[in-house]
Amino acid sequence: QVQLVESGGGLVQPGGSLRLSCAASGSIRTIYTMRWYRQAPGKQRELVAGITVGNRTTYADSVKGRFTISRDGAKNTVYLQMNSLKPEDTAVYYCYSAHIPGGAYWGQGTQVTVSS
């Protein structure tokens, strides 16, 4: 079993920054990809950003140029640097990992609130 623990959420004013972290622990095999999703009240969960073992990244159009995903392979940790935050970025942010030869896991989520 694999556990994902997110941290770094909180309350920030519009235009501010936050850095989310997600650390994987447990019976970890090769992590193929780690991603951040978010879910706002009344909306479906959506992909925010992802990064593969080869450091290929993908971003939602709504966060391109503002958010940066990175990873530390040695620590099995993924980060999401969020700059120029907007009220519409308010959501619960979830970490996700997919492994080789199989298995996918979710974190418990961390709340990000952007408000003045």
Protein backbone atom coordinates (compact mmCIF):
# COMPACT_ATOMS: atom_id res chain seq x y z
CA GLN A 1 0.00 0.00 0.00
CA VAL A 2 1.09 3.55 -0.72
CA GLN A 3 0.21 6.64 1.28
CA LEU A 4 0.20 10.15 -0.15
CA VAL A 5 0.34 13.05 2.27
CA GLU A 6 -0.28 16.58 1.02
CA SER A 7 0.71 19.76 2.79
CA GLY A 8 1.01 23.47 2.11
CA GLY A 9 -2.59 24.50 1.61
CA GLY A 10 -4.15 27.50 3.30
CA LEU A 11 -5.70 30.92 2.89
CA VAL A 12 -4.01 33.43 0.59
CA GLN A 13 -4.99 36.75 -0.92
CA PRO A 14 -5.50 37.12 -4.68
CA GLY A 15 -2.15 37.51 -6.39
CA GLY A 16 -0.39 35.56 -3.69
CA SER A 17 1.53 32.29 -3.80
CA LEU A 18 1.43 28.89 -2.18
CA ARG A 19 3.55 25.78 -2.54
CA LEU A 20 1.90 22.39 -2.16
CA SER A 21 3.87 19.25 -1.38
CA CYS A 22 2.89 15.60 -1.67
CA ALA A 23 5.08 12.88 -0.23
CA ALA A 24 4.59 9.22 -1.10
CA SER A 25 5.47 6.51 1.39
CA GLY A 26 4.87 2.82 1.93
CA SER A 27 5.31 -0.03 -0.55
CA ILE A 28 6.46 2.17 -3.39
CA ARG A 29 7.41 0.66 -6.70
CA THR A 30 8.39 2.81 -9.66
CA ILE A 31 6.27 5.94 -9.75
CA TYR A 32 5.34 6.58 -13.37
CA THR A 33 3.48 9.83 -12.86
CA MET A 34 2.35 12.15 -10.11
CA ARG A 35 -0.42 14.66 -10.61
CA TRP A 36 -2.37 17.36 -8.86
CA TYR A 37 -6.14 17.52 -9.24
CA ARG A 38 -8.55 19.97 -7.67
CA GLN A 39 -12.23 20.01 -6.89
CA ALA A 40 -14.20 23.15 -6.17
CA PRO A 41 -17.62 23.02 -4.48
CA GLY A 42 -20.28 21.85 -6.92
CA LYS A 43 -17.75 21.07 -9.64
CA GLN A 44 -16.08 17.93 -10.96
CA ARG A 45 -12.53 17.06 -10.03
CA GLU A 46 -10.15 18.37 -12.69
CA LEU A 47 -6.52 17.79 -13.57
CA VAL A 48 -4.32 20.74 -12.67
CA ALA A 49 -0.82 19.49 -13.51
CA GLY A 50 1.13 16.27 -13.95
CA ILE A 51 4.72 15.14 -14.20
CA THR A 52 6.15 11.82 -15.37
CA VAL A 53 9.23 9.89 -14.31
CA GLY A 54 10.94 11.44 -17.35
CA ASN A 55 9.97 14.92 -16.14
CA ARG A 56 7.44 15.52 -18.87
CA THR A 57 4.88 17.99 -17.59
CA THR A 58 1.31 18.86 -18.45
CA TYR A 59 -0.88 21.70 -17.25
CA ALA A 60 -4.49 22.74 -17.41
CA ASP A 61 -4.94 25.79 -19.64
CA SER A 62 -6.29 27.73 -16.69
CA VAL A 63 -3.01 27.47 -14.74
CA LYS A 64 -0.39 27.64 -17.49
CA GLY A 65 2.19 30.30 -16.76
CA ARG A 66 1.12 30.56 -13.11
CA PHE A 67 1.65 27.07 -11.68
CA THR A 68 4.77 24.91 -11.85
CA ILE A 69 4.93 21.21 -11.01
CA SER A 70 8.22 19.59 -10.03
CA ARG A 71 9.36 16.43 -8.32
CA ASP A 72 12.15 15.03 -6.18
CA GLY A 73 12.54 11.41 -7.22
CA ALA A 74 14.82 10.56 -4.32
CA LYS A 75 12.16 11.72 -1.85
CA ASN A 76 9.14 10.45 -3.85
CA THR A 77 7.73 13.93 -3.49
CA VAL A 78 5.93 16.19 -5.93
CA TYR A 79 5.47 19.93 -5.56
CA LEU A 80 3.07 22.46 -7.00
CA GLN A 81 4.23 26.06 -6.93
CA MET A 82 1.19 28.28 -7.37
CA ASN A 83 1.73 31.95 -8.19
CA SER A 84 -0.65 34.77 -9.10
CA LEU A 85 -3.48 32.93 -7.39
CA LYS A 86 -7.03 33.84 -8.27
CA PRO A 87 -10.29 33.30 -6.36
CA GLU A 88 -11.26 30.69 -8.96
CA ASP A 89 -8.27 28.60 -7.86
CA THR A 90 -10.09 27.96 -4.58
CA ALA A 91 -10.58 24.21 -4.24
CA VAL A 92 -9.46 21.09 -2.45
CA TYR A 93 -6.23 19.97 -4.12
CA TYR A 94 -5.55 16.26 -4.36
CA CYS A 95 -2.33 14.44 -5.10
CA TYR A 96 -2.39 11.35 -7.30
CA SER A 97 0.28 8.80 -8.16
CA ALA A 98 0.37 5.97 -10.68
CA HIS A 99 2.92 3.19 -10.43
CA ILE A 100 4.65 0.56 -12.54
CA PRO A 101 3.65 -2.27 -12.85
CA GLY A 102 0.33 -1.10 -11.45
CA GLY A 103 -1.56 0.74 -8.76
CA ALA A 104 -2.87 4.26 -8.39
CA TYR A 105 -3.37 6.23 -5.21
CA TRP A 106 -4.94 9.46 -3.96
CA GLY A 107 -4.06 11.73 -1.11
CA GLN A 108 -6.61 13.04 1.35
CA GLY A 109 -6.62 16.54 -0.10
CA THR A 110 -5.56 19.97 1.09
CA GLN A 111 -7.74 23.08 1.04
CA VAL A 112 -6.59 26.13 -0.91
CA THR A 113 -8.65 29.28 -0.43
CA VAL A 114 -7.93 32.46 -2.37
CA SER A 115 -9.81 35.37 -0.89
CA SER A 116 -9.31 38.92 0.27
